Amino acid sequence: MSEKMRVLDMLENGKINAQEAAQLLESLGRGRMFDREQREQVEEKFQRFANDVTCFAKDVGEKAKEMYKNVEPKIKKASQSALEKAAAALDELACTIHESLDKAEKENCCEAGTCSCCNVENREN
């Protein structure tokens, strides 16, 4: 698509008004949108912007790296603590279940006549 068609397309899509389109078309008619000095100024501004973005990206990267370095031990410590608490809770649950099973087994054994756990004959039978 030619530059003139792009200007007309921008006008049609409402991105620029008729006066701006006329100015752009006039500039294109002269063969250039910017003179040499304007072009150099624009290039210089783009170069400064690119340098600023590069510096900003480096700073953000370094800060993120430092933040992770400071947070990593805390995450490990919190994870270890959570695992220890979960293991303790599971141990307690296992003991409770084991005690309940032992109690139920003893109760069932003593109801059956001769008690296998204490070798005493059940008096009810």
PDB file of N, CA and C in Angstrom:
ATOM      1  N   MET A   1       0.859  -1.169   0.000  1.00  0.00           N
ATOM      2  CA  MET A   1       0.000   0.000   0.000  1.00  0.00           C
ATOM      3  C   MET A   1       0.907   1.234   0.000  1.00  0.00           C
ATOM      4  N   SER A   2       0.604   2.175  -0.877  1.00  0.00           N
ATOM      5  CA  SER A   2       1.422   3.377  -0.981  1.00  0.00           C
ATOM      6  C   SER A   2       1.174   4.287   0.224  1.00  0.00           C
ATOM      7  N   GLU A   3       2.095   5.197   0.425  1.00  0.00           N
ATOM      8  CA  GLU A   3       1.973   6.132   1.547  1.00  0.00           C
ATOM      9  C   GLU A   3       0.727   6.997   1.408  1.00  0.00           C
ATOM     10  N   LYS A   4       0.404   7.396   0.184  1.00  0.00           N
ATOM     11  CA  LYS A   4      -0.790   8.220  -0.033  1.00  0.00           C
ATOM     12  C   LYS A   4      -2.047   7.445   0.327  1.00  0.00           C
ATOM     13  N   MET A   5      -2.074   6.152  -0.029  1.00  0.00           N
ATOM     14  CA  MET A   5      -3.231   5.324   0.297  1.00  0.00           C
ATOM     15  C   MET A   5      -3.341   5.136   1.815  1.00  0.00           C
ATOM     16  N   ARG A   6      -2.222   5.048   2.495  1.00  0.00           N
ATOM     17  CA  ARG A   6      -2.248   4.923   3.960  1.00  0.00           C
ATOM     18  C   ARG A   6      -2.848   6.166   4.604  1.00  0.00           C
ATOM     19  N   VAL A   7      -2.474   7.326   4.079  1.00  0.00           N
ATOM     20  CA  VAL A   7      -3.027   8.577   4.603  1.00  0.00           C
ATOM     21  C   VAL A   7      -4.535   8.601   4.389  1.00  0.00           C
ATOM     22  N   LEU A   8      -4.981   8.225   3.177  1.00  0.00           N
ATOM     23  CA  LEU A   8      -6.420   8.209   2.881  1.00  0.00           C
ATOM     24  C   LEU A   8      -7.148   7.168   3.749  1.00  0.00           C
ATOM     25  N   ASP A   9      -6.495   6.048   4.010  1.00  0.00           N
ATOM     26  CA  ASP A   9      -7.083   5.019   4.870  1.00  0.00           C
ATOM     27  C   ASP A   9      -7.223   5.536   6.310  1.00  0.00           C
ATOM     28  N   MET A  10      -6.205   6.246   6.795  1.00  0.00           N
ATOM     29  CA  MET A  10      -6.276   6.823   8.151  1.00  0.00           C
ATOM     30  C   MET A  10      -7.400   7.849   8.230  1.00  0.00           C
ATOM     31  N   LEU A  11      -7.568   8.633   7.166  1.00  0.00           N
ATOM     32  CA  LEU A  11      -8.655   9.620   7.110  1.00  0.00           C
ATOM     33  C   LEU A  11     -10.010   8.913   7.123  1.00  0.00           C
ATOM     34  N   GLU A  12     -10.130   7.878   6.320  1.00  0.00           N
ATOM     35  CA  GLU A  12     -11.388   7.139   6.230  1.00  0.00           C
ATOM     36  C   GLU A  12     -11.739   6.478   7.567  1.00  0.00           C
ATOM     37  N   ASN A  13     -10.747   5.999   8.290  1.00  0.00           N
ATOM     38  CA  ASN A  13     -10.978   5.322   9.576  1.00  0.00           C
ATOM     39  C   ASN A  13     -11.069   6.291  10.749  1.00  0.00           C
ATOM     40  N   GLY A  14     -10.971   7.578  10.492  1.00  0.00           N
ATOM     41  CA  GLY A  14     -11.119   8.577  11.544  1.00  0.00           C
ATOM     42  C   GLY A  14      -9.896   8.736  12.427  1.00  0.00           C
ATOM     43  N   LYS A  15      -8.757   8.220  11.999  1.00  0.00           N
ATOM     44  CA  LYS A  15      -7.540   8.329  12.802  1.00  0.00           C
ATOM     45  C   LYS A  15      -6.920   9.722  12.679  1.00  0.00           C
ATOM     46  N   ILE A  16      -7.181  10.373  11.563  1.00  0.00           N
ATOM     47  CA  ILE A  16      -6.741  11.753  11.358  1.00  0.00           C
ATOM     48  C   ILE A  16      -7.905  12.518  10.743  1.00  0.00           C
ATOM     49  N   ASN A  17      -7.841  13.862  10.865  1.00  0.00           N
ATOM     50  CA  ASN A  17      -8.908  14.670  10.258  1.00  0.00           C
ATOM     51  C   ASN A  17      -8.471  15.111   8.859  1.00  0.00           C
ATOM     52  N   ALA A  18      -9.371  15.810   8.154  1.00  0.00           N
ATOM     53  CA  ALA A  18      -9.107  16.201   6.769  1.00  0.00           C
ATOM     54  C   ALA A  18      -7.912  17.142   6.652  1.00  0.00           C
ATOM     55  N   GLN A  19      -7.773  18.069   7.614  1.00  0.00           N
ATOM     56  CA  GLN A  19      -6.653  19.009   7.571  1.00  0.00           C
ATOM     57  C   GLN A  19      -5.322  18.265   7.717  1.00  0.00           C
ATOM     58  N   GLU A  20      -5.282  17.318   8.652  1.00  0.00           N
ATOM     59  CA  GLU A  20      -4.053  16.542   8.842  1.00  0.00           C
ATOM     60  C   GLU A  20      -3.750  15.710   7.596  1.00  0.00           C
ATOM     61  N   ALA A  21      -4.777  15.140   6.996  1.00  0.00           N
ATOM     62  CA  ALA A  21      -4.582  14.359   5.767  1.00  0.00           C
ATOM     63  C   ALA A  21      -4.024  15.241   4.659  1.00  0.00           C
ATOM     64  N   ALA A  22      -4.561  16.452   4.524  1.00  0.00           N
ATOM     65  CA  ALA A  22      -4.082  17.372   3.489  1.00  0.00           C
ATOM     66  C   ALA A  22      -2.617  17.721   3.713  1.00  0.00           C
ATOM     67  N   GLN A  23      -2.244  17.974   4.966  1.00  0.00           N
ATOM     68  CA  GLN A  23      -0.846  18.305   5.276  1.00  0.00           C
ATOM     69  C   GLN A  23       0.077  17.129   4.945  1.00  0.00           C
ATOM     70  N   LEU A  24      -0.372  15.921   5.326  1.00  0.00           N
ATOM     71  CA  LEU A  24       0.453  14.743   5.042  1.00  0.00           C
ATOM     72  C   LEU A  24       0.592  14.521   3.533  1.00  0.00           C
ATOM     73  N   LEU A  25      -0.501  14.659   2.811  1.00  0.00           N
ATOM     74  CA  LEU A  25      -0.445  14.462   1.361  1.00  0.00           C
ATOM     75  C   LEU A  25       0.431  15.520   0.696  1.00  0.00           C
ATOM     76  N   GLU A  26       0.359  16.741   1.215  1.00  0.00           N
ATOM     77  CA  GLU A  26       1.213  17.818   0.673  1.00  0.00           C
ATOM     78  C   GLU A  26       2.686  17.488   0.924  1.00  0.00           C
ATOM     79  N   SER A  27       2.989  17.008   2.128  1.00  0.00           N
ATOM     80  CA  SER A  27       4.368  16.636   2.448  1.00  0.00           C
ATOM     81  C   SER A  27       4.839  15.504   1.557  1.00  0.00           C
ATOM     82  N   LEU A  28       3.961  14.528   1.336  1.00  0.00           N
ATOM     83  CA  LEU A  28       4.322  13.415   0.459  1.00  0.00           C
ATOM     84  C   LEU A  28       4.530  13.900  -0.979  1.00  0.00           C
ATOM     85  N   GLY A  29       3.736  14.866  -1.369  1.00  0.00           N
ATOM     86  CA  GLY A  29       3.866  15.421  -2.720  1.00  0.00           C
ATOM     87  C   GLY A  29       5.221  16.081  -2.916  1.00  0.00           C
ATOM     88  N   ARG A  30       5.777  16.618  -1.856  1.00  0.00           N
ATOM     89  CA  ARG A  30       7.097  17.244  -1.952  1.00  0.00           C
ATOM     90  C   ARG A  30       8.202  16.207  -1.901  1.00  0.00           C
ATOM     91  N   GLY A  31       7.799  14.946  -1.620  1.00  0.00           N
ATOM     92  CA  GLY A  31       8.810  13.893  -1.618  1.00  0.00           C
ATOM     93  C   GLY A  31       9.319  13.533  -0.236  1.00  0.00           C
ATOM     94  N   ARG A  32       9.040  14.346   0.770  1.00  0.00           N
ATOM     95  CA  ARG A  32       9.519  14.052   2.125  1.00  0.00           C
ATOM     96  C   ARG A  32       8.504  14.533   3.140  1.00  0.00           C
ATOM     97  N   MET A  33       8.451  13.826   4.230  1.00  0.00           N
ATOM     98  CA  MET A  33       7.601  14.269   5.336  1.00  0.00           C
ATOM     99  C   MET A  33       8.402  15.173   6.273  1.00  0.00           C
ATOM    100  N   PHE A  34       9.696  14.903   6.384  1.00  0.00           N
ATOM    101  CA  PHE A  34      10.559  15.672   7.278  1.00  0.00           C
ATOM    102  C   PHE A  34      11.766  16.155   6.501  1.00  0.00           C
ATOM    103  N   ASP A  35      12.261  17.318   6.894  1.00  0.00           N
ATOM    104  CA  ASP A  35      13.523  17.738   6.308  1.00  0.00           C
ATOM    105  C   ASP A  35      14.641  17.022   7.071  1.00  0.00           C
ATOM    106  N   ARG A  36      15.853  17.212   6.648  1.00  0.00           N
ATOM    107  CA  ARG A  36      16.996  16.486   7.226  1.00  0.00           C
ATOM    108  C   ARG A  36      17.136  16.754   8.720  1.00  0.00           C
ATOM    109  N   GLU A  37      17.006  17.994   9.134  1.00  0.00           N
ATOM    110  CA  GLU A  37      17.149  18.351  10.543  1.00  0.00           C
ATOM    111  C   GLU A  37      16.050  17.702  11.395  1.00  0.00           C
ATOM    112  N   GLN A  38      14.820  17.720  10.894  1.00  0.00           N
ATOM    113  CA  GLN A  38      13.707  17.097  11.629  1.00  0.00           C
ATOM    114  C   GLN A  38      13.917  15.584  11.739  1.00  0.00           C
ATOM    115  N   ARG A  39      14.368  14.977  10.652  1.00  0.00           N
ATOM    116  CA  ARG A  39      14.611  13.542  10.645  1.00  0.00           C
ATOM    117  C   ARG A  39      15.686  13.178  11.665  1.00  0.00           C
ATOM    118  N   GLU A  40      16.742  13.971  11.728  1.00  0.00           N
ATOM    119  CA  GLU A  40      17.815  13.715  12.698  1.00  0.00           C
ATOM    120  C   GLU A  40      17.309  13.869  14.134  1.00  0.00           C
ATOM    121  N   GLN A  41      16.460  14.857  14.366  1.00  0.00           N
ATOM    122  CA  GLN A  41      15.882  15.048  15.701  1.00  0.00           C
ATOM    123  C   GLN A  41      15.013  13.853  16.097  1.00  0.00           C
ATOM    124  N   VAL A  42      14.206  13.388  15.154  1.00  0.00           N
ATOM    125  CA  VAL A  42      13.344  12.229  15.427  1.00  0.00           C
ATOM    126  C   VAL A  42      14.201  11.000  15.704  1.00  0.00           C
ATOM    127  N   GLU A  43      15.219  10.779  14.897  1.00  0.00           N
ATOM    128  CA  GLU A  43      16.103   9.628  15.101  1.00  0.00           C
ATOM    129  C   GLU A  43      16.810   9.715  16.452  1.00  0.00           C
ATOM    130  N   GLU A  44      17.241  10.910  16.824  1.00  0.00           N
ATOM    131  CA  GLU A  44      17.908  11.099  18.112  1.00  0.00           C
ATOM    132  C   GLU A  44      16.951  10.795  19.272  1.00  0.00           C
ATOM    133  N   LYS A  45      15.708  11.258  19.146  1.00  0.00           N
ATOM    134  CA  LYS A  45      14.714  10.987  20.199  1.00  0.00           C
ATOM    135  C   LYS A  45      14.424   9.498  20.294  1.00  0.00           C
ATOM    136  N   PHE A  46      14.294   8.825  19.158  1.00  0.00           N
ATOM    137  CA  PHE A  46      14.069   7.377  19.182  1.00  0.00           C
ATOM    138  C   PHE A  46      15.249   6.653  19.825  1.00  0.00           C
ATOM    139  N   GLN A  47      16.459   7.100  19.518  1.00  0.00           N
ATOM    140  CA  GLN A  47      17.646   6.463  20.092  1.00  0.00           C
ATOM    141  C   GLN A  47      17.681   6.652  21.609  1.00  0.00           C
ATOM    142  N   ARG A  48      17.370   7.877  22.085  1.00  0.00           N
ATOM    143  CA  ARG A  48      17.316   8.113  23.539  1.00  0.00           C
ATOM    144  C   ARG A  48      16.240   7.245  24.186  1.00  0.00           C
ATOM    145  N   PHE A  49      15.090   7.170  23.526  1.00  0.00           N
ATOM    146  CA  PHE A  49      13.996   6.340  24.050  1.00  0.00           C
ATOM    147  C   PHE A  49      14.437   4.877  24.134  1.00  0.00           C
ATOM    148  N   ALA A  50      15.072   4.372  23.083  1.00  0.00           N
ATOM    149  CA  ALA A  50      15.546   2.983  23.081  1.00  0.00           C
ATOM    150  C   ALA A  50      16.546   2.745  24.205  1.00  0.00           C
ATOM    151  N   ASN A  51      17.454   3.705  24.416  1.00  0.00           N
ATOM    152  CA  ASN A  51      18.434   3.580  25.506  1.00  0.00           C
ATOM    153  C   ASN A  51      17.742   3.590  26.870  1.00  0.00           C
ATOM    154  N   ASP A  52      16.759   4.467  27.027  1.00  0.00           N
ATOM    155  CA  ASP A  52      16.016   4.534  28.289  1.00  0.00           C
ATOM    156  C   ASP A  52      15.286   3.229  28.558  1.00  0.00           C
ATOM    157  N   VAL A  53      14.658   2.669  27.527  1.00  0.00           N
ATOM    158  CA  VAL A  53      13.934   1.401  27.677  1.00  0.00           C
ATOM    159  C   VAL A  53      14.904   0.285  28.045  1.00  0.00           C
ATOM    160  N   THR A  54      16.066   0.269  27.419  1.00  0.00           N
ATOM    161  CA  THR A  54      17.073  -0.752  27.719  1.00  0.00           C
ATOM    162  C   THR A  54      17.530  -0.651  29.169  1.00  0.00           C
ATOM    163  N   CYS A  55      17.811   0.561  29.626  1.00  0.00           N
ATOM    164  CA  CYS A  55      18.230   0.761  31.027  1.00  0.00           C
ATOM    165  C   CYS A  55      17.120   0.356  31.994  1.00  0.00           C
ATOM    166  N   PHE A  56      15.898   0.732  31.670  1.00  0.00           N
ATOM    167  CA  PHE A  56      14.758   0.378  32.518  1.00  0.00           C
ATOM    168  C   PHE A  56      14.613  -1.141  32.605  1.00  0.00           C
ATOM    169  N   ALA A  57      14.722  -1.820  31.476  1.00  0.00           N
ATOM    170  CA  ALA A  57      14.587  -3.276  31.459  1.00  0.00           C
ATOM    171  C   ALA A  57      15.684  -3.932  32.299  1.00  0.00           C
ATOM    172  N   LYS A  58      16.901  -3.429  32.198  1.00  0.00           N
ATOM    173  CA  LYS A  58      18.001  -3.974  33.001  1.00  0.00           C
ATOM    174  C   LYS A  58      17.734  -3.767  34.488  1.00  0.00           C
ATOM    175  N   ASP A  59      17.277  -2.568  34.858  1.00  0.00           N
ATOM    176  CA  ASP A  59      16.973  -2.275  36.261  1.00  0.00           C
ATOM    177  C   ASP A  59      15.880  -3.193  36.794  1.00  0.00           C
ATOM    178  N   VAL A  60      14.824  -3.358  36.016  1.00  0.00           N
ATOM    179  CA  VAL A  60      13.716  -4.228  36.443  1.00  0.00           C
ATOM    180  C   VAL A  60      14.229  -5.660  36.599  1.00  0.00           C
ATOM    181  N   GLY A  61      15.030  -6.119  35.662  1.00  0.00           N
ATOM    182  CA  GLY A  61      15.588  -7.473  35.736  1.00  0.00           C
ATOM    183  C   GLY A  61      16.447  -7.668  36.972  1.00  0.00           C
ATOM    184  N   GLU A  62      17.291  -6.701  37.277  1.00  0.00           N
ATOM    185  CA  GLU A  62      18.158  -6.801  38.463  1.00  0.00           C
ATOM    186  C   GLU A  62      17.339  -6.781  39.749  1.00  0.00           C
ATOM    187  N   LYS A  63      16.330  -5.918  39.798  1.00  0.00           N
ATOM    188  CA  LYS A  63      15.487  -5.843  40.994  1.00  0.00           C
ATOM    189  C   LYS A  63      14.691  -7.133  41.186  1.00  0.00           C
ATOM    190  N   ALA A  64      14.191  -7.699  40.098  1.00  0.00           N
ATOM    191  CA  ALA A  64      13.447  -8.959  40.185  1.00  0.00           C
ATOM    192  C   ALA A  64      14.368 -10.081  40.664  1.00  0.00           C
ATOM    193  N   LYS A  65      15.579 -10.096  40.157  1.00  0.00           N
ATOM    194  CA  LYS A  65      16.557 -11.113  40.568  1.00  0.00           C
ATOM    195  C   LYS A  65      16.873 -10.977  42.054  1.00  0.00           C
ATOM    196  N   GLU A  66      17.083  -9.761  42.511  1.00  0.00           N
ATOM    197  CA  GLU A  66      17.380  -9.502  43.933  1.00  0.00           C
ATOM    198  C   GLU A  66      16.187  -9.881  44.804  1.00  0.00           C
ATOM    199  N   MET A  67      14.985  -9.542  44.357  1.00  0.00           N
ATOM    200  CA  MET A  67      13.790  -9.868  45.128  1.00  0.00           C
ATOM    201  C   MET A  67      13.640 -11.382  45.265  1.00  0.00           C
ATOM    202  N   TYR A  68      13.868 -12.110  44.184  1.00  0.00           N
ATOM    203  CA  TYR A  68      13.762 -13.561  44.234  1.00  0.00           C
ATOM    204  C   TYR A  68      14.810 -14.138  45.181  1.00  0.00           C
ATOM    205  N   LYS A  69      16.012 -13.579  45.126  1.00  0.00           N
ATOM    206  CA  LYS A  69      17.086 -14.065  45.992  1.00  0.00           C
ATOM    207  C   LYS A  69      16.708 -13.880  47.461  1.00  0.00           C
ATOM    208  N   ASN A  70      16.047 -12.780  47.801  1.00  0.00           N
ATOM    209  CA  ASN A  70      15.633 -12.516  49.177  1.00  0.00           C
ATOM    210  C   ASN A  70      14.422 -13.352  49.585  1.00  0.00           C
ATOM    211  N   VAL A  71      13.548 -13.664  48.658  1.00  0.00           N
ATOM    212  CA  VAL A  71      12.314 -14.376  48.969  1.00  0.00           C
ATOM    213  C   VAL A  71      12.519 -15.889  48.992  1.00  0.00           C
ATOM    214  N   GLU A  72      13.436 -16.384  48.210  1.00  0.00           N
ATOM    215  CA  GLU A  72      13.631 -17.828  48.081  1.00  0.00           C
ATOM    216  C   GLU A  72      13.831 -18.530  49.428  1.00  0.00           C
ATOM    217  N   PRO A  73      14.718 -18.064  50.325  1.00  0.00           N
ATOM    218  CA  PRO A  73      14.879 -18.756  51.615  1.00  0.00           C
ATOM    219  C   PRO A  73      13.597 -18.733  52.458  1.00  0.00           C
ATOM    220  N   LYS A  74      12.860 -17.640  52.375  1.00  0.00           N
ATOM    221  CA  LYS A  74      11.609 -17.553  53.129  1.00  0.00           C
ATOM    222  C   LYS A  74      10.595 -18.568  52.612  1.00  0.00           C
ATOM    223  N   ILE A  75      10.527 -18.732  51.303  1.00  0.00           N
ATOM    224  CA  ILE A  75       9.609 -19.705  50.715  1.00  0.00           C
ATOM    225  C   ILE A  75      10.016 -21.116  51.137  1.00  0.00           C
ATOM    226  N   LYS A  76      11.308 -21.405  51.090  1.00  0.00           N
ATOM    227  CA  LYS A  76      11.777 -22.725  51.503  1.00  0.00           C
ATOM    228  C   LYS A  76      11.446 -22.995  52.969  1.00  0.00           C
ATOM    229  N   LYS A  77      11.658 -22.010  53.825  1.00  0.00           N
ATOM    230  CA  LYS A  77      11.390 -22.169  55.256  1.00  0.00           C
ATOM    231  C   LYS A  77       9.898 -22.391  55.497  1.00  0.00           C
ATOM    232  N   ALA A  78       9.045 -21.602  54.836  1.00  0.00           N
ATOM    233  CA  ALA A  78       7.595 -21.750  54.996  1.00  0.00           C
ATOM    234  C   ALA A  78       7.138 -23.110  54.482  1.00  0.00           C
ATOM    235  N   SER A  79       7.696 -23.566  53.375  1.00  0.00           N
ATOM    236  CA  SER A  79       7.341 -24.878  52.825  1.00  0.00           C
ATOM    237  C   SER A  79       7.750 -25.991  53.778  1.00  0.00           C
ATOM    238  N   GLN A  80       8.940 -25.886  54.327  1.00  0.00           N
ATOM    239  CA  GLN A  80       9.425 -26.899  55.274  1.00  0.00           C
ATOM    240  C   GLN A  80       8.540 -26.936  56.509  1.00  0.00           C
ATOM    241  N   SER A  81       8.183 -25.781  57.036  1.00  0.00           N
ATOM    242  CA  SER A  81       7.313 -25.706  58.207  1.00  0.00           C
ATOM    243  C   SER A  81       5.949 -26.324  57.914  1.00  0.00           C
ATOM    244  N   ALA A  82       5.387 -26.022  56.746  1.00  0.00           N
ATOM    245  CA  ALA A  82       4.090 -26.589  56.368  1.00  0.00           C
ATOM    246  C   ALA A  82       4.177 -28.108  56.253  1.00  0.00           C
ATOM    247  N   LEU A  83       5.256 -28.619  55.669  1.00  0.00           N
ATOM    248  CA  LEU A  83       5.438 -30.067  55.559  1.00  0.00           C
ATOM    249  C   LEU A  83       5.570 -30.724  56.924  1.00  0.00           C
ATOM    250  N   GLU A  84       6.311 -30.087  57.821  1.00  0.00           N
ATOM    251  CA  GLU A  84       6.475 -30.637  59.171  1.00  0.00           C
ATOM    252  C   GLU A  84       5.146 -30.683  59.909  1.00  0.00           C
ATOM    253  N   LYS A  85       4.353 -29.622  59.793  1.00  0.00           N
ATOM    254  CA  LYS A  85       3.041 -29.595  60.447  1.00  0.00           C
ATOM    255  C   LYS A  85       2.108 -30.646  59.851  1.00  0.00           C
ATOM    256  N   ALA A  86       2.132 -30.805  58.541  1.00  0.00           N
ATOM    257  CA  ALA A  86       1.295 -31.815  57.892  1.00  0.00           C
ATOM    258  C   ALA A  86       1.714 -33.214  58.337  1.00  0.00           C
ATOM    259  N   ALA A  87       3.024 -33.460  58.423  1.00  0.00           N
ATOM    260  CA  ALA A  87       3.511 -34.771  58.864  1.00  0.00           C
ATOM    261  C   ALA A  87       3.096 -35.046  60.302  1.00  0.00           C
ATOM    262  N   ALA A  88       3.181 -34.053  61.173  1.00  0.00           N
ATOM    263  CA  ALA A  88       2.776 -34.220  62.571  1.00  0.00           C
ATOM    264  C   ALA A  88       1.278 -34.516  62.660  1.00  0.00           C
ATOM    265  N   ALA A  89       0.482 -33.817  61.880  1.00  0.00           N
ATOM    266  CA  ALA A  89      -0.970 -34.049  61.886  1.00  0.00           C
ATOM    267  C   ALA A  89      -1.279 -35.462  61.389  1.00  0.00           C
ATOM    268  N   LEU A  90      -0.584 -35.929  60.363  1.00  0.00           N
ATOM    269  CA  LEU A  90      -0.800 -37.291  59.854  1.00  0.00           C
ATOM    270  C   LEU A  90      -0.372 -38.339  60.874  1.00  0.00           C
ATOM    271  N   ASP A  91       0.733 -38.098  61.569  1.00  0.00           N
ATOM    272  CA  ASP A  91       1.172 -39.015  62.630  1.00  0.00           C
ATOM    273  C   ASP A  91       0.129 -39.111  63.732  1.00  0.00           C
ATOM    274  N   GLU A  92      -0.397 -37.962  64.142  1.00  0.00           N
ATOM    275  CA  GLU A  92      -1.423 -37.942  65.186  1.00  0.00           C
ATOM    276  C   GLU A  92      -2.676 -38.676  64.723  1.00  0.00           C
ATOM    277  N   LEU A  93      -3.071 -38.454  63.495  1.00  0.00           N
ATOM    278  CA  LEU A  93      -4.235 -39.137  62.947  1.00  0.00           C
ATOM    279  C   LEU A  93      -4.004 -40.646  62.894  1.00  0.00           C
ATOM    280  N   ALA A  94      -2.813 -41.073  62.474  1.00  0.00           N
ATOM    281  CA  ALA A  94      -2.493 -42.500  62.403  1.00  0.00           C
ATOM    282  C   ALA A  94      -2.555 -43.129  63.796  1.00  0.00           C
ATOM    283  N   CYS A  95      -2.037 -42.444  64.813  1.00  0.00           N
ATOM    284  CA  CYS A  95      -2.090 -42.959  66.188  1.00  0.00           C
ATOM    285  C   CYS A  95      -3.534 -43.092  66.662  1.00  0.00           C
ATOM    286  N   THR A  96      -4.355 -42.095  66.386  1.00  0.00           N
ATOM    287  CA  THR A  96      -5.761 -42.123  66.792  1.00  0.00           C
ATOM    288  C   THR A  96      -6.492 -43.283  66.117  1.00  0.00           C
ATOM    289  N   ILE A  97      -6.247 -43.477  64.841  1.00  0.00           N
ATOM    290  CA  ILE A  97      -6.885 -44.587  64.117  1.00  0.00           C
ATOM    291  C   ILE A  97      -6.415 -45.920  64.679  1.00  0.00           C
ATOM    292  N   HIS A  98      -5.114 -46.043  64.940  1.00  0.00           N
ATOM    293  CA  HIS A  98      -4.555 -47.279  65.489  1.00  0.00           C
ATOM    294  C   HIS A  98      -5.174 -47.582  66.852  1.00  0.00           C
ATOM    295  N   GLU A  99      -5.268 -46.587  67.718  1.00  0.00           N
ATOM    296  CA  GLU A  99      -5.877 -46.779  69.045  1.00  0.00           C
ATOM    297  C   GLU A  99      -7.346 -47.180  68.919  1.00  0.00           C
ATOM    298  N   SER A 100      -8.066 -46.558  68.001  1.00  0.00           N
ATOM    299  CA  SER A 100      -9.478 -46.894  67.795  1.00  0.00           C
ATOM    300  C   SER A 100      -9.629 -48.326  67.303  1.00  0.00           C
ATOM    301  N   LEU A 101      -8.770 -48.746  66.381  1.00  0.00           N
ATOM    302  CA  LEU A 101      -8.827 -50.121  65.877  1.00  0.00           C
ATOM    303  C   LEU A 101      -8.501 -51.130  66.972  1.00  0.00           C
ATOM    304  N   ASP A 102      -7.485 -50.810  67.787  1.00  0.00           N
ATOM    305  CA  ASP A 102      -7.129 -51.698  68.908  1.00  0.00           C
ATOM    306  C   ASP A 102      -8.295 -51.841  69.876  1.00  0.00           C
ATOM    307  N   LYS A 103      -8.942 -50.729  70.189  1.00  0.00           N
ATOM    308  CA  LYS A 103     -10.076 -50.737  71.125  1.00  0.00           C
ATOM    309  C   LYS A 103     -11.232 -51.543  70.551  1.00  0.00           C
ATOM    310  N   ALA A 104     -11.537 -51.348  69.276  1.00  0.00           N
ATOM    311  CA  ALA A 104     -12.633 -52.078  68.641  1.00  0.00           C
ATOM    312  C   ALA A 104     -12.336 -53.564  68.589  1.00  0.00           C
ATOM    313  N   GLU A 105     -11.105 -53.931  68.295  1.00  0.00           N
ATOM    314  CA  GLU A 105     -10.720 -55.338  68.240  1.00  0.00           C
ATOM    315  C   GLU A 105     -10.858 -55.990  69.604  1.00  0.00           C
ATOM    316  N   LYS A 106     -10.448 -55.283  70.646  1.00  0.00           N
ATOM    317  CA  LYS A 106     -10.517 -55.807  72.009  1.00  0.00           C
ATOM    318  C   LYS A 106     -11.978 -55.993  72.421  1.00  0.00           C
ATOM    319  N   GLU A 107     -12.842 -55.039  72.064  1.00  0.00           N
ATOM    320  CA  GLU A 107     -14.258 -55.137  72.410  1.00  0.00           C
ATOM    321  C   GLU A 107     -14.905 -56.310  71.690  1.00  0.00           C
ATOM    322  N   ASN A 108     -14.599 -56.511  70.423  1.00  0.00           N
ATOM    323  CA  ASN A 108     -15.156 -57.623  69.653  1.00  0.00           C
ATOM    324  C   ASN A 108     -14.657 -58.957  70.169  1.00  0.00           C
ATOM    325  N   CYS A 109     -13.424 -59.032  70.590  1.00  0.00           N
ATOM    326  CA  CYS A 109     -12.799 -60.255  71.078  1.00  0.00           C
ATOM    327  C   CYS A 109     -13.474 -60.697  72.377  1.00  0.00           C
ATOM    328  N   CYS A 110     -13.730 -59.807  73.271  1.00  0.00           N
ATOM    329  CA  CYS A 110     -14.273 -60.140  74.582  1.00  0.00           C
ATOM    330  C   CYS A 110     -15.744 -60.529  74.517  1.00  0.00           C
ATOM    331  N   GLU A 111     -16.441 -60.204  73.463  1.00  0.00           N
ATOM    332  CA  GLU A 111     -17.848 -60.560  73.316  1.00  0.00           C
ATOM    333  C   GLU A 111     -18.015 -61.975  72.773  1.00  0.00           C
ATOM    334  N   ALA A 112     -16.981 -62.596  72.260  1.00  0.00           N
ATOM    335  CA  ALA A 112     -17.101 -63.855  71.539  1.00  0.00           C
ATOM    336  C   ALA A 112     -16.994 -65.111  72.403  1.00  0.00           C
ATOM    337  N   GLY A 113     -16.980 -65.070  73.610  1.00  0.00           N
ATOM    338  CA  GLY A 113     -16.861 -66.263  74.456  1.00  0.00           C
ATOM    339  C   GLY A 113     -15.561 -66.241  75.207  1.00  0.00           C
ATOM    340  N   THR A 114     -14.544 -66.947  74.692  1.00  0.00           N
ATOM    341  CA  THR A 114     -13.234 -66.917  75.324  1.00  0.00           C
ATOM    342  C   THR A 114     -12.465 -65.767  74.715  1.00  0.00           C
ATOM    343  N   CYS A 115     -11.960 -64.924  75.555  1.00  0.00           N
ATOM    344  CA  CYS A 115     -11.257 -63.712  75.104  1.00  0.00           C
ATOM    345  C   CYS A 115      -9.846 -64.096  74.700  1.00  0.00           C
ATOM    346  N   SER A 116      -9.520 -63.876  73.445  1.00  0.00           N
ATOM    347  CA  SER A 116      -8.193 -64.220  72.951  1.00  0.00           C
ATOM    348  C   SER A 116      -7.138 -63.246  73.434  1.00  0.00           C
ATOM    349  N   CYS A 117      -7.542 -62.029  73.785  1.00  0.00           N
ATOM    350  CA  CYS A 117      -6.552 -61.045  74.221  1.00  0.00           C
ATOM    351  C   CYS A 117      -6.190 -61.233  75.691  1.00  0.00           C
ATOM    352  N   CYS A 118      -7.091 -61.815  76.464  1.00  0.00           N
ATOM    353  CA  CYS A 118      -6.771 -61.968  77.883  1.00  0.00           C
ATOM    354  C   CYS A 118      -6.992 -63.401  78.378  1.00  0.00           C
ATOM    355  N   ASN A 119      -7.390 -64.355  77.460  1.00  0.00           N
ATOM    356  CA  ASN A 119      -7.621 -65.755  77.764  1.00  0.00           C
ATOM    357  C   ASN A 119      -8.556 -65.965  78.950  1.00  0.00           C
ATOM    358  N   VAL A 120      -9.587 -65.122  79.036  1.00  0.00           N
ATOM    359  CA  VAL A 120     -10.577 -65.230  80.096  1.00  0.00           C
ATOM    360  C   VAL A 120     -11.899 -65.552  79.442  1.00  0.00           C
ATOM    361  N   GLU A 121     -12.638 -66.530  80.027  1.00  0.00           N
ATOM    362  CA  GLU A 121     -13.910 -66.896  79.451  1.00  0.00           C
ATOM    363  C   GLU A 121     -14.921 -65.791  79.739  1.00  0.00           C
ATOM    364  N   ASN A 122     -15.696 -65.397  78.717  1.00  0.00           N
ATOM    365  CA  ASN A 122     -16.682 -64.354  78.864  1.00  0.00           C
ATOM    366  C   ASN A 122     -17.803 -64.886  79.745  1.00  0.00           C
ATOM    367  N   ARG A 123     -18.168 -64.172  80.802  1.00  0.00           N
ATOM    368  CA  ARG A 123     -19.130 -64.606  81.796  1.00  0.00           C
ATOM    369  C   ARG A 123     -20.546 -64.558  81.293  1.00  0.00           C
ATOM    370  N   GLU A 124     -20.831 -63.769  80.220  1.00  0.00           N
ATOM    371  CA  GLU A 124     -22.192 -63.675  79.718  1.00  0.00           C
ATOM    372  C   GLU A 124     -22.591 -64.924  78.961  1.00  0.00           C
ATOM    373  N   ASN A 125     -21.669 -65.678  78.409  1.00  0.00           N
ATOM    374  CA  ASN A 125     -21.988 -66.881  77.621  1.00  0.00           C
ATOM    375  C   ASN A 125     -21.972 -68.090  78.459  1.00  0.00           C
TER     376      ASN A 125
END
